[in-house]
Amino acid sequence: MCLDWHGPQQSEGRGTSGPLRRKRQGQVGEGITQAVDSHATVNRAIGVLIAAHGISPAAAVEVLRDVSQHMNIKLSSVAESVLAGALGQPVPRPVGRELEAVVQRRISGEKPEERR
């Protein structure tokens, strides 16, 4: 006796073919590309904060995270602002002020052995 029953509604992911499947695959591909780009942006911003302020990589991550959470904006958006500022482009005033404040708090509260 064969019990290979998939039910009346097969999973759309496996059972779907043609244009719908290609559309979903394209969306997944776009999502992955966006995630990789965002990750790279955040990593570059971490590098800028390390170089500009002499803070540790962990402190740089915390700066980005703290600004993101305090201002309720995406981490990648904060990272883009850091990169814009490093390239001499304008940074939204509230973001720039918050970045400076958080960096200064990190520098003043950071232990000497944590600095580069």
PDB file of N, CA and C in Angstrom:
ATOM      1  N   MET A   1       0.840  -1.178   0.000  1.00  0.00           N
ATOM      2  CA  MET A   1       0.000   0.000   0.000  1.00  0.00           C
ATOM      3  C   MET A   1       0.890   1.248   0.000  1.00  0.00           C
ATOM      4  N   CYS A   2       0.645   2.167  -0.866  1.00  0.00           N
ATOM      5  CA  CYS A   2       1.431   3.395  -0.996  1.00  0.00           C
ATOM      6  C   CYS A   2       0.720   4.544  -0.303  1.00  0.00           C
ATOM      7  N   LEU A   3       1.414   5.194   0.612  1.00  0.00           N
ATOM      8  CA  LEU A   3       0.848   6.322   1.344  1.00  0.00           C
ATOM      9  C   LEU A   3       1.513   7.633   0.921  1.00  0.00           C
ATOM     10  N   ASP A   4       1.753   7.782  -0.349  1.00  0.00           N
ATOM     11  CA  ASP A   4       2.409   8.975  -0.881  1.00  0.00           C
ATOM     12  C   ASP A   4       1.360  10.019  -1.258  1.00  0.00           C
ATOM     13  N   TRP A   5       0.661  10.523  -0.266  1.00  0.00           N
ATOM     14  CA  TRP A   5      -0.391  11.502  -0.489  1.00  0.00           C
ATOM     15  C   TRP A   5       0.084  12.870  -0.054  1.00  0.00           C
ATOM     16  N   HIS A   6      -0.056  13.830  -0.899  1.00  0.00           N
ATOM     17  CA  HIS A   6       0.406  15.188  -0.599  1.00  0.00           C
ATOM     18  C   HIS A   6      -0.722  16.112  -0.197  1.00  0.00           C
ATOM     19  N   GLY A   7      -1.928  15.619  -0.148  1.00  0.00           N
ATOM     20  CA  GLY A   7      -3.049  16.451   0.245  1.00  0.00           C
ATOM     21  C   GLY A   7      -3.575  17.246  -0.925  1.00  0.00           C
ATOM     22  N   PRO A   8      -4.712  17.867  -0.750  1.00  0.00           N
ATOM     23  CA  PRO A   8      -5.332  18.594  -1.841  1.00  0.00           C
ATOM     24  C   PRO A   8      -4.610  19.886  -2.204  1.00  0.00           C
ATOM     25  N   GLN A   9      -3.877  20.473  -1.240  1.00  0.00           N
ATOM     26  CA  GLN A   9      -3.181  21.715  -1.541  1.00  0.00           C
ATOM     27  C   GLN A   9      -1.690  21.495  -1.353  1.00  0.00           C
ATOM     28  N   GLN A  10      -1.026  21.286  -2.447  1.00  0.00           N
ATOM     29  CA  GLN A  10       0.416  21.085  -2.393  1.00  0.00           C
ATOM     30  C   GLN A  10       1.099  22.425  -2.138  1.00  0.00           C
ATOM     31  N   SER A  11       2.248  22.391  -1.479  1.00  0.00           N
ATOM     32  CA  SER A  11       3.006  23.607  -1.191  1.00  0.00           C
ATOM     33  C   SER A  11       3.234  24.381  -2.474  1.00  0.00           C
ATOM     34  N   GLU A  12       2.955  25.683  -2.432  1.00  0.00           N
ATOM     35  CA  GLU A  12       3.131  26.504  -3.623  1.00  0.00           C
ATOM     36  C   GLU A  12       4.581  26.551  -4.083  1.00  0.00           C
ATOM     37  N   GLY A  13       5.499  26.503  -3.135  1.00  0.00           N
ATOM     38  CA  GLY A  13       6.914  26.568  -3.490  1.00  0.00           C
ATOM     39  C   GLY A  13       7.356  25.391  -4.334  1.00  0.00           C
ATOM     40  N   ARG A  14       6.910  24.177  -3.976  1.00  0.00           N
ATOM     41  CA  ARG A  14       7.317  22.985  -4.726  1.00  0.00           C
ATOM     42  C   ARG A  14       6.428  22.739  -5.914  1.00  0.00           C
ATOM     43  N   GLY A  15       5.132  22.964  -5.741  1.00  0.00           N
ATOM     44  CA  GLY A  15       4.190  22.604  -6.781  1.00  0.00           C
ATOM     45  C   GLY A  15       4.019  23.662  -7.845  1.00  0.00           C
ATOM     46  N   THR A  16       4.510  24.825  -7.629  1.00  0.00           N
ATOM     47  CA  THR A  16       4.335  25.923  -8.570  1.00  0.00           C
ATOM     48  C   THR A  16       5.424  25.875  -9.624  1.00  0.00           C
ATOM     49  N   SER A  17       5.026  26.151 -10.831  1.00  0.00           N
ATOM     50  CA  SER A  17       6.023  26.196 -11.902  1.00  0.00           C
ATOM     51  C   SER A  17       5.745  27.409 -12.761  1.00  0.00           C
ATOM     52  N   GLY A  18       6.644  27.670 -13.635  1.00  0.00           N
ATOM     53  CA  GLY A  18       6.444  28.744 -14.586  1.00  0.00           C
ATOM     54  C   GLY A  18       6.680  30.123 -14.018  1.00  0.00           C
ATOM     55  N   PRO A  19       5.871  31.092 -14.469  1.00  0.00           N
ATOM     56  CA  PRO A  19       6.100  32.502 -14.124  1.00  0.00           C
ATOM     57  C   PRO A  19       6.070  32.796 -12.627  1.00  0.00           C
ATOM     58  N   LEU A  20       5.163  32.175 -11.879  1.00  0.00           N
ATOM     59  CA  LEU A  20       5.068  32.451 -10.443  1.00  0.00           C
ATOM     60  C   LEU A  20       6.325  32.008  -9.707  1.00  0.00           C
ATOM     61  N   ARG A  21       6.822  30.844 -10.062  1.00  0.00           N
ATOM     62  CA  ARG A  21       8.051  30.342  -9.439  1.00  0.00           C
ATOM     63  C   ARG A  21       9.230  31.247  -9.771  1.00  0.00           C
ATOM     64  N   ARG A  22       9.344  31.663 -11.033  1.00  0.00           N
ATOM     65  CA  ARG A  22      10.452  32.553 -11.426  1.00  0.00           C
ATOM     66  C   ARG A  22      10.349  33.891 -10.697  1.00  0.00           C
ATOM     67  N   LYS A  23       9.115  34.388 -10.519  1.00  0.00           N
ATOM     68  CA  LYS A  23       8.925  35.651  -9.799  1.00  0.00           C
ATOM     69  C   LYS A  23       9.396  35.515  -8.357  1.00  0.00           C
ATOM     70  N   ARG A  24       9.025  34.425  -7.706  1.00  0.00           N
ATOM     71  CA  ARG A  24       9.455  34.215  -6.318  1.00  0.00           C
ATOM     72  C   ARG A  24      10.965  34.047  -6.225  1.00  0.00           C
ATOM     73  N   GLN A  25      11.546  33.333  -7.162  1.00  0.00           N
ATOM     74  CA  GLN A  25      13.004  33.162  -7.152  1.00  0.00           C
ATOM     75  C   GLN A  25      13.689  34.507  -7.344  1.00  0.00           C
ATOM     76  N   GLY A  26      13.127  35.344  -8.189  1.00  0.00           N
ATOM     77  CA  GLY A  26      13.680  36.681  -8.400  1.00  0.00           C
ATOM     78  C   GLY A  26      13.595  37.525  -7.142  1.00  0.00           C
ATOM     79  N   GLN A  27      12.472  37.418  -6.416  1.00  0.00           N
ATOM     80  CA  GLN A  27      12.314  38.159  -5.177  1.00  0.00           C
ATOM     81  C   GLN A  27      13.313  37.701  -4.126  1.00  0.00           C
ATOM     82  N   VAL A  28      13.530  36.401  -4.049  1.00  0.00           N
ATOM     83  CA  VAL A  28      14.512  35.867  -3.100  1.00  0.00           C
ATOM     84  C   VAL A  28      15.899  36.360  -3.481  1.00  0.00           C
ATOM     85  N   GLY A  29      16.220  36.325  -4.771  1.00  0.00           N
ATOM     86  CA  GLY A  29      17.520  36.796  -5.234  1.00  0.00           C
ATOM     87  C   GLY A  29      17.734  38.270  -4.919  1.00  0.00           C
ATOM     88  N   GLU A  30      16.691  39.072  -5.104  1.00  0.00           N
ATOM     89  CA  GLU A  30      16.785  40.499  -4.793  1.00  0.00           C
ATOM     90  C   GLU A  30      16.979  40.710  -3.294  1.00  0.00           C
ATOM     91  N   GLY A  31      16.286  39.918  -2.486  1.00  0.00           N
ATOM     92  CA  GLY A  31      16.417  40.021  -1.034  1.00  0.00           C
ATOM     93  C   GLY A  31      17.817  39.689  -0.576  1.00  0.00           C
ATOM     94  N   ILE A  32      18.399  38.662  -1.162  1.00  0.00           N
ATOM     95  CA  ILE A  32      19.765  38.269  -0.807  1.00  0.00           C
ATOM     96  C   ILE A  32      20.745  39.356  -1.222  1.00  0.00           C
ATOM     97  N   THR A  33      20.574  39.890  -2.409  1.00  0.00           N
ATOM     98  CA  THR A  33      21.448  40.961  -2.884  1.00  0.00           C
ATOM     99  C   THR A  33      21.354  42.174  -1.968  1.00  0.00           C
ATOM    100  N   GLN A  34      20.125  42.516  -1.567  1.00  0.00           N
ATOM    101  CA  GLN A  34      19.926  43.659  -0.671  1.00  0.00           C
ATOM    102  C   GLN A  34      20.602  43.421   0.685  1.00  0.00           C
ATOM    103  N   ALA A  35      20.488  42.208   1.202  1.00  0.00           N
ATOM    104  CA  ALA A  35      21.100  41.881   2.496  1.00  0.00           C
ATOM    105  C   ALA A  35      22.616  41.965   2.426  1.00  0.00           C
ATOM    106  N   VAL A  36      23.198  41.465   1.343  1.00  0.00           N
ATOM    107  CA  VAL A  36      24.652  41.510   1.178  1.00  0.00           C
ATOM    108  C   VAL A  36      25.127  42.957   1.068  1.00  0.00           C
ATOM    109  N   ASP A  37      24.404  43.766   0.294  1.00  0.00           N
ATOM    110  CA  ASP A  37      24.763  45.180   0.155  1.00  0.00           C
ATOM    111  C   ASP A  37      24.668  45.908   1.494  1.00  0.00           C
ATOM    112  N   SER A  38      23.620  45.645   2.245  1.00  0.00           N
ATOM    113  CA  SER A  38      23.440  46.270   3.551  1.00  0.00           C
ATOM    114  C   SER A  38      24.565  45.882   4.505  1.00  0.00           C
ATOM    115  N   HIS A  39      24.924  44.610   4.497  1.00  0.00           N
ATOM    116  CA  HIS A  39      26.002  44.119   5.357  1.00  0.00           C
ATOM    117  C   HIS A  39      27.325  44.808   5.002  1.00  0.00           C
ATOM    118  N   ALA A  40      27.590  44.939   3.724  1.00  0.00           N
ATOM    119  CA  ALA A  40      28.825  45.596   3.280  1.00  0.00           C
ATOM    120  C   ALA A  40      28.837  47.063   3.695  1.00  0.00           C
ATOM    121  N   THR A  41      27.706  47.730   3.596  1.00  0.00           N
ATOM    122  CA  THR A  41      27.608  49.138   3.996  1.00  0.00           C
ATOM    123  C   THR A  41      27.900  49.287   5.482  1.00  0.00           C
ATOM    124  N   VAL A  42      27.319  48.409   6.288  1.00  0.00           N
ATOM    125  CA  VAL A  42      27.536  48.461   7.738  1.00  0.00           C
ATOM    126  C   VAL A  42      29.010  48.207   8.047  1.00  0.00           C
ATOM    127  N   ASN A  43      29.610  47.230   7.388  1.00  0.00           N
ATOM    128  CA  ASN A  43      31.029  46.943   7.626  1.00  0.00           C
ATOM    129  C   ASN A  43      31.922  48.127   7.269  1.00  0.00           C
ATOM    130  N   ARG A  44      31.624  48.801   6.162  1.00  0.00           N
ATOM    131  CA  ARG A  44      32.421  49.973   5.780  1.00  0.00           C
ATOM    132  C   ARG A  44      32.252  51.095   6.809  1.00  0.00           C
ATOM    133  N   ALA A  45      31.028  51.288   7.290  1.00  0.00           N
ATOM    134  CA  ALA A  45      30.784  52.329   8.296  1.00  0.00           C
ATOM    135  C   ALA A  45      31.530  52.014   9.590  1.00  0.00           C
ATOM    136  N   ILE A  46      31.593  50.753   9.960  1.00  0.00           N
ATOM    137  CA  ILE A  46      32.366  50.348  11.139  1.00  0.00           C
ATOM    138  C   ILE A  46      33.829  50.747  10.940  1.00  0.00           C
ATOM    139  N   GLY A  47      34.352  50.478   9.762  1.00  0.00           N
ATOM    140  CA  GLY A  47      35.736  50.856   9.455  1.00  0.00           C
ATOM    141  C   GLY A  47      35.967  52.347   9.530  1.00  0.00           C
ATOM    142  N   VAL A  48      35.016  53.127   9.051  1.00  0.00           N
ATOM    143  CA  VAL A  48      35.128  54.592   9.105  1.00  0.00           C
ATOM    144  C   VAL A  48      35.154  55.058  10.561  1.00  0.00           C
ATOM    145  N   LEU A  49      34.262  54.518  11.389  1.00  0.00           N
ATOM    146  CA  LEU A  49      34.228  54.921  12.795  1.00  0.00           C
ATOM    147  C   LEU A  49      35.523  54.544  13.513  1.00  0.00           C
ATOM    148  N   ILE A  50      36.067  53.375  13.201  1.00  0.00           N
ATOM    149  CA  ILE A  50      37.329  52.946  13.805  1.00  0.00           C
ATOM    150  C   ILE A  50      38.444  53.917  13.418  1.00  0.00           C
ATOM    151  N   ALA A  51      38.526  54.224  12.120  1.00  0.00           N
ATOM    152  CA  ALA A  51      39.601  55.086  11.628  1.00  0.00           C
ATOM    153  C   ALA A  51      39.444  56.526  12.104  1.00  0.00           C
ATOM    154  N   ALA A  52      38.221  57.029  12.092  1.00  0.00           N
ATOM    155  CA  ALA A  52      37.997  58.432  12.426  1.00  0.00           C
ATOM    156  C   ALA A  52      38.090  58.723  13.922  1.00  0.00           C
ATOM    157  N   HIS A  53      37.707  57.743  14.744  1.00  0.00           N
ATOM    158  CA  HIS A  53      37.617  58.019  16.176  1.00  0.00           C
ATOM    159  C   HIS A  53      38.524  57.139  17.026  1.00  0.00           C
ATOM    160  N   GLY A  54      39.223  56.208  16.400  1.00  0.00           N
ATOM    161  CA  GLY A  54      40.142  55.344  17.145  1.00  0.00           C
ATOM    162  C   GLY A  54      39.444  54.444  18.143  1.00  0.00           C
ATOM    163  N   ILE A  55      38.196  54.064  17.852  1.00  0.00           N
ATOM    164  CA  ILE A  55      37.476  53.181  18.757  1.00  0.00           C
ATOM    165  C   ILE A  55      37.619  51.732  18.298  1.00  0.00           C
ATOM    166  N   SER A  56      37.301  50.822  19.165  1.00  0.00           N
ATOM    167  CA  SER A  56      37.400  49.401  18.830  1.00  0.00           C
ATOM    168  C   SER A  56      36.275  49.014  17.867  1.00  0.00           C
ATOM    169  N   PRO A  57      36.452  47.904  17.149  1.00  0.00           N
ATOM    170  CA  PRO A  57      35.378  47.433  16.268  1.00  0.00           C
ATOM    171  C   PRO A  57      34.069  47.195  17.039  1.00  0.00           C
ATOM    172  N   ALA A  58      34.169  46.629  18.230  1.00  0.00           N
ATOM    173  CA  ALA A  58      32.956  46.381  19.024  1.00  0.00           C
ATOM    174  C   ALA A  58      32.267  47.690  19.387  1.00  0.00           C
ATOM    175  N   ALA A  59      33.052  48.704  19.743  1.00  0.00           N
ATOM    176  CA  ALA A  59      32.473  50.003  20.080  1.00  0.00           C
ATOM    177  C   ALA A  59      31.820  50.637  18.848  1.00  0.00           C
ATOM    178  N   ALA A  60      32.431  50.473  17.684  1.00  0.00           N
ATOM    179  CA  ALA A  60      31.862  51.014  16.442  1.00  0.00           C
ATOM    180  C   ALA A  60      30.514  50.374  16.140  1.00  0.00           C
ATOM    181  N   VAL A  61      30.421  49.071  16.347  1.00  0.00           N
ATOM    182  CA  VAL A  61      29.146  48.374  16.141  1.00  0.00           C
ATOM    183  C   VAL A  61      28.102  48.912  17.114  1.00  0.00           C
ATOM    184  N   GLU A  62      28.515  49.113  18.356  1.00  0.00           N
ATOM    185  CA  GLU A  62      27.598  49.633  19.371  1.00  0.00           C
ATOM    186  C   GLU A  62      27.136  51.049  19.027  1.00  0.00           C
ATOM    187  N   VAL A  63      28.020  51.860  18.486  1.00  0.00           N
ATOM    188  CA  VAL A  63      27.642  53.220  18.084  1.00  0.00           C
ATOM    189  C   VAL A  63      26.527  53.146  17.049  1.00  0.00           C
ATOM    190  N   LEU A  64      26.729  52.348  16.010  1.00  0.00           N
ATOM    191  CA  LEU A  64      25.716  52.224  14.964  1.00  0.00           C
ATOM    192  C   LEU A  64      24.399  51.695  15.542  1.00  0.00           C
ATOM    193  N   ARG A  65      24.501  50.682  16.366  1.00  0.00           N
ATOM    194  CA  ARG A  65      23.309  50.069  16.955  1.00  0.00           C
ATOM    195  C   ARG A  65      22.574  51.062  17.859  1.00  0.00           C
ATOM    196  N   ASP A  66      23.334  51.771  18.705  1.00  0.00           N
ATOM    197  CA  ASP A  66      22.708  52.721  19.630  1.00  0.00           C
ATOM    198  C   ASP A  66      21.986  53.845  18.878  1.00  0.00           C
ATOM    199  N   VAL A  67      22.619  54.394  17.861  1.00  0.00           N
ATOM    200  CA  VAL A  67      21.993  55.465  17.080  1.00  0.00           C
ATOM    201  C   VAL A  67      20.739  54.928  16.383  1.00  0.00           C
ATOM    202  N   SER A  68      20.848  53.756  15.816  1.00  0.00           N
ATOM    203  CA  SER A  68      19.714  53.140  15.133  1.00  0.00           C
ATOM    204  C   SER A  68      18.530  52.963  16.073  1.00  0.00           C
ATOM    205  N   GLN A  69      18.800  52.423  17.239  1.00  0.00           N
ATOM    206  CA  GLN A  69      17.720  52.183  18.199  1.00  0.00           C
ATOM    207  C   GLN A  69      17.155  53.478  18.768  1.00  0.00           C
ATOM    208  N   HIS A  70      18.033  54.409  19.114  1.00  0.00           N
ATOM    209  CA  HIS A  70      17.574  55.664  19.724  1.00  0.00           C
ATOM    210  C   HIS A  70      16.738  56.485  18.754  1.00  0.00           C
ATOM    211  N   MET A  71      17.124  56.477  17.491  1.00  0.00           N
ATOM    212  CA  MET A  71      16.416  57.291  16.498  1.00  0.00           C
ATOM    213  C   MET A  71      15.344  56.507  15.746  1.00  0.00           C
ATOM    214  N   ASN A  72      15.270  55.212  16.027  1.00  0.00           N
ATOM    215  CA  ASN A  72      14.291  54.340  15.382  1.00  0.00           C
ATOM    216  C   ASN A  72      14.421  54.366  13.851  1.00  0.00           C
ATOM    217  N   ILE A  73      15.657  54.225  13.392  1.00  0.00           N
ATOM    218  CA  ILE A  73      15.916  54.112  11.958  1.00  0.00           C
ATOM    219  C   ILE A  73      16.764  52.863  11.728  1.00  0.00           C
ATOM    220  N   LYS A  74      16.733  52.379  10.514  1.00  0.00           N
ATOM    221  CA  LYS A  74      17.457  51.151  10.193  1.00  0.00           C
ATOM    222  C   LYS A  74      18.960  51.335  10.387  1.00  0.00           C
ATOM    223  N   LEU A  75      19.589  50.256  10.837  1.00  0.00           N
ATOM    224  CA  LEU A  75      21.040  50.252  11.017  1.00  0.00           C
ATOM    225  C   LEU A  75      21.744  50.616   9.719  1.00  0.00           C
ATOM    226  N   SER A  76      21.259  50.076   8.607  1.00  0.00           N
ATOM    227  CA  SER A  76      21.883  50.365   7.315  1.00  0.00           C
ATOM    228  C   SER A  76      21.760  51.845   6.957  1.00  0.00           C
ATOM    229  N   SER A  77      20.688  52.501   7.381  1.00  0.00           N
ATOM    230  CA  SER A  77      20.530  53.941   7.121  1.00  0.00           C
ATOM    231  C   SER A  77      21.540  54.753   7.927  1.00  0.00           C
ATOM    232  N   VAL A  78      21.770  54.349   9.169  1.00  0.00           N
ATOM    233  CA  VAL A  78      22.790  55.016   9.990  1.00  0.00           C
ATOM    234  C   VAL A  78      24.154  54.822   9.335  1.00  0.00           C
ATOM    235  N   ALA A  79      24.433  53.605   8.888  1.00  0.00           N
ATOM    236  CA  ALA A  79      25.709  53.311   8.232  1.00  0.00           C
ATOM    237  C   ALA A  79      25.880  54.159   6.973  1.00  0.00           C
ATOM    238  N   GLU A  80      24.813  54.316   6.198  1.00  0.00           N
ATOM    239  CA  GLU A  80      24.885  55.153   4.991  1.00  0.00           C
ATOM    240  C   GLU A  80      25.207  56.600   5.353  1.00  0.00           C
ATOM    241  N   SER A  81      24.669  57.083   6.459  1.00  0.00           N
ATOM    242  CA  SER A  81      24.961  58.454   6.910  1.00  0.00           C
ATOM    243  C   SER A  81      26.432  58.594   7.293  1.00  0.00           C
ATOM    244  N   VAL A  82      26.963  57.588   7.983  1.00  0.00           N
ATOM    245  CA  VAL A  82      28.386  57.608   8.358  1.00  0.00           C
ATOM    246  C   VAL A  82      29.244  57.669   7.104  1.00  0.00           C
ATOM    247  N   LEU A  83      28.915  56.854   6.121  1.00  0.00           N
ATOM    248  CA  LEU A  83      29.699  56.836   4.880  1.00  0.00           C
ATOM    249  C   LEU A  83      29.561  58.154   4.126  1.00  0.00           C
ATOM    250  N   ALA A  84      28.360  58.716   4.100  1.00  0.00           N
ATOM    251  CA  ALA A  84      28.158  60.005   3.428  1.00  0.00           C
ATOM    252  C   ALA A  84      29.027  61.077   4.076  1.00  0.00           C
ATOM    253  N   GLY A  85      29.036  61.111   5.396  1.00  0.00           N
ATOM    254  CA  GLY A  85      29.853  62.087   6.105  1.00  0.00           C
ATOM    255  C   GLY A  85      31.330  61.908   5.814  1.00  0.00           C
ATOM    256  N   ALA A  86      31.772  60.667   5.723  1.00  0.00           N
ATOM    257  CA  ALA A  86      33.183  60.390   5.435  1.00  0.00           C
ATOM    258  C   ALA A  86      33.568  60.857   4.035  1.00  0.00           C
ATOM    259  N   LEU A  87      32.589  60.899   3.149  1.00  0.00           N
ATOM    260  CA  LEU A  87      32.846  61.345   1.775  1.00  0.00           C
ATOM    261  C   LEU A  87      32.583  62.837   1.590  1.00  0.00           C
ATOM    262  N   GLY A  88      32.328  63.540   2.698  1.00  0.00           N
ATOM    263  CA  GLY A  88      32.101  64.979   2.634  1.00  0.00           C
ATOM    264  C   GLY A  88      30.705  65.357   2.201  1.00  0.00           C
ATOM    265  N   GLN A  89      29.810  64.415   2.167  1.00  0.00           N
ATOM    266  CA  GLN A  89      28.429  64.697   1.794  1.00  0.00           C
ATOM    267  C   GLN A  89      27.637  65.075   3.036  1.00  0.00           C
ATOM    268  N   PRO A  90      26.530  65.771   2.845  1.00  0.00           N
ATOM    269  CA  PRO A  90      25.734  66.172   4.012  1.00  0.00           C
ATOM    270  C   PRO A  90      25.102  64.966   4.715  1.00  0.00           C
ATOM    271  N   VAL A  91      25.079  65.066   6.027  1.00  0.00           N
ATOM    272  CA  VAL A  91      24.446  64.059   6.873  1.00  0.00           C
ATOM    273  C   VAL A  91      23.258  64.739   7.523  1.00  0.00           C
ATOM    274  N   PRO A  92      22.098  64.078   7.555  1.00  0.00           N
ATOM    275  CA  PRO A  92      20.953  64.709   8.230  1.00  0.00           C
ATOM    276  C   PRO A  92      21.349  65.169   9.637  1.00  0.00           C
ATOM    277  N   ARG A  93      21.029  66.415   9.950  1.00  0.00           N
ATOM    278  CA  ARG A  93      21.476  67.020  11.204  1.00  0.00           C
ATOM    279  C   ARG A  93      21.166  66.183  12.450  1.00  0.00           C
ATOM    280  N   PRO A  94      19.951  65.669  12.600  1.00  0.00           N
ATOM    281  CA  PRO A  94      19.680  64.876  13.813  1.00  0.00           C
ATOM    282  C   PRO A  94      20.550  63.620  13.901  1.00  0.00           C
ATOM    283  N   VAL A  95      20.783  62.990  12.772  1.00  0.00           N
ATOM    284  CA  VAL A  95      21.616  61.779  12.762  1.00  0.00           C
ATOM    285  C   VAL A  95      23.057  62.135  13.097  1.00  0.00           C
ATOM    286  N   GLY A  96      23.561  63.201  12.509  1.00  0.00           N
ATOM    287  CA  GLY A  96      24.932  63.638  12.777  1.00  0.00           C
ATOM    288  C   GLY A  96      25.147  63.979  14.247  1.00  0.00           C
ATOM    289  N   ARG A  97      24.182  64.695  14.824  1.00  0.00           N
ATOM    290  CA  ARG A  97      24.294  65.048  16.245  1.00  0.00           C
ATOM    291  C   ARG A  97      24.286  63.807  17.124  1.00  0.00           C
ATOM    292  N   GLU A  98      23.393  62.882  16.818  1.00  0.00           N
ATOM    293  CA  GLU A  98      23.300  61.663  17.624  1.00  0.00           C
ATOM    294  C   GLU A  98      24.560  60.808  17.474  1.00  0.00           C
ATOM    295  N   LEU A  99      25.080  60.720  16.262  1.00  0.00           N
ATOM    296  CA  LEU A  99      26.323  59.967  16.047  1.00  0.00           C
ATOM    297  C   LEU A  99      27.450  60.545  16.887  1.00  0.00           C
ATOM    298  N   GLU A 100      27.609  61.860  16.844  1.00  0.00           N
ATOM    299  CA  GLU A 100      28.678  62.502  17.622  1.00  0.00           C
ATOM    300  C   GLU A 100      28.505  62.269  19.116  1.00  0.00           C
ATOM    301  N   ALA A 101      27.273  62.399  19.583  1.00  0.00           N
ATOM    302  CA  ALA A 101      27.017  62.209  21.016  1.00  0.00           C
ATOM    303  C   ALA A 101      27.335  60.784  21.453  1.00  0.00           C
ATOM    304  N   VAL A 102      26.915  59.812  20.668  1.00  0.00           N
ATOM    305  CA  VAL A 102      27.155  58.410  21.026  1.00  0.00           C
ATOM    306  C   VAL A 102      28.647  58.094  20.947  1.00  0.00           C
ATOM    307  N   VAL A 103      29.327  58.592  19.922  1.00  0.00           N
ATOM    308  CA  VAL A 103      30.777  58.362  19.804  1.00  0.00           C
ATOM    309  C   VAL A 103      31.488  58.953  21.020  1.00  0.00           C
ATOM    310  N   GLN A 104      31.134  60.171  21.396  1.00  0.00           N
ATOM    311  CA  GLN A 104      31.783  60.807  22.546  1.00  0.00           C
ATOM    312  C   GLN A 104      31.544  60.024  23.839  1.00  0.00           C
ATOM    313  N   ARG A 105      30.319  59.514  24.005  1.00  0.00           N
ATOM    314  CA  ARG A 105      30.041  58.689  25.186  1.00  0.00           C
ATOM    315  C   ARG A 105      30.874  57.418  25.165  1.00  0.00           C
ATOM    316  N   ARG A 106      31.031  56.819  24.006  1.00  0.00           N
ATOM    317  CA  ARG A 106      31.836  55.592  23.887  1.00  0.00           C
ATOM    318  C   ARG A 106      33.296  55.879  24.187  1.00  0.00           C
ATOM    319  N   ILE A 107      33.805  56.979  23.664  1.00  0.00           N
ATOM    320  CA  ILE A 107      35.211  57.318  23.877  1.00  0.00           C
ATOM    321  C   ILE A 107      35.464  57.595  25.357  1.00  0.00           C
ATOM    322  N   SER A 108      34.599  58.372  25.970  1.00  0.00           N
ATOM    323  CA  SER A 108      34.825  58.721  27.379  1.00  0.00           C
ATOM    324  C   SER A 108      34.590  57.547  28.315  1.00  0.00           C
ATOM    325  N   GLY A 109      33.732  56.627  27.954  1.00  0.00           N
ATOM    326  CA  GLY A 109      33.440  55.486  28.813  1.00  0.00           C
ATOM    327  C   GLY A 109      34.223  54.238  28.481  1.00  0.00           C
ATOM    328  N   GLU A 110      35.016  54.303  27.434  1.00  0.00           N
ATOM    329  CA  GLU A 110      35.745  53.122  26.978  1.00  0.00           C
ATOM    330  C   GLU A 110      37.023  52.938  27.800  1.00  0.00           C
ATOM    331  N   LYS A 111      37.298  51.722  28.167  1.00  0.00           N
ATOM    332  CA  LYS A 111      38.525  51.410  28.902  1.00  0.00           C
ATOM    333  C   LYS A 111      39.726  51.521  27.961  1.00  0.00           C
ATOM    334  N   PRO A 112      40.900  51.943  28.458  1.00  0.00           N
ATOM    335  CA  PRO A 112      42.083  52.109  27.598  1.00  0.00           C
ATOM    336  C   PRO A 112      42.455  50.826  26.842  1.00  0.00           C
ATOM    337  N   GLU A 113      42.299  49.661  27.460  1.00  0.00           N
ATOM    338  CA  GLU A 113      42.688  48.437  26.780  1.00  0.00           C
ATOM    339  C   GLU A 113      41.771  48.078  25.618  1.00  0.00           C
ATOM    340  N   GLU A 114      40.584  48.719  25.551  1.00  0.00           N
ATOM    341  CA  GLU A 114      39.672  48.462  24.452  1.00  0.00           C
ATOM    342  C   GLU A 114      39.999  49.312  23.227  1.00  0.00           C
ATOM    343  N   ARG A 115      40.780  50.357  23.420  1.00  0.00           N
ATOM    344  CA  ARG A 115      41.142  51.213  22.279  1.00  0.00           C
ATOM    345  C   ARG A 115      42.203  50.527  21.444  1.00  0.00           C
ATOM    346  N   ARG A 116      42.251  50.902  20.168  1.00  0.00           N
ATOM    347  CA  ARG A 116      43.209  50.282  19.252  1.00  0.00           C
ATOM    348  C   ARG A 116      44.618  50.580  19.649  1.00  0.00           C
TER     349      ARG A 116
END
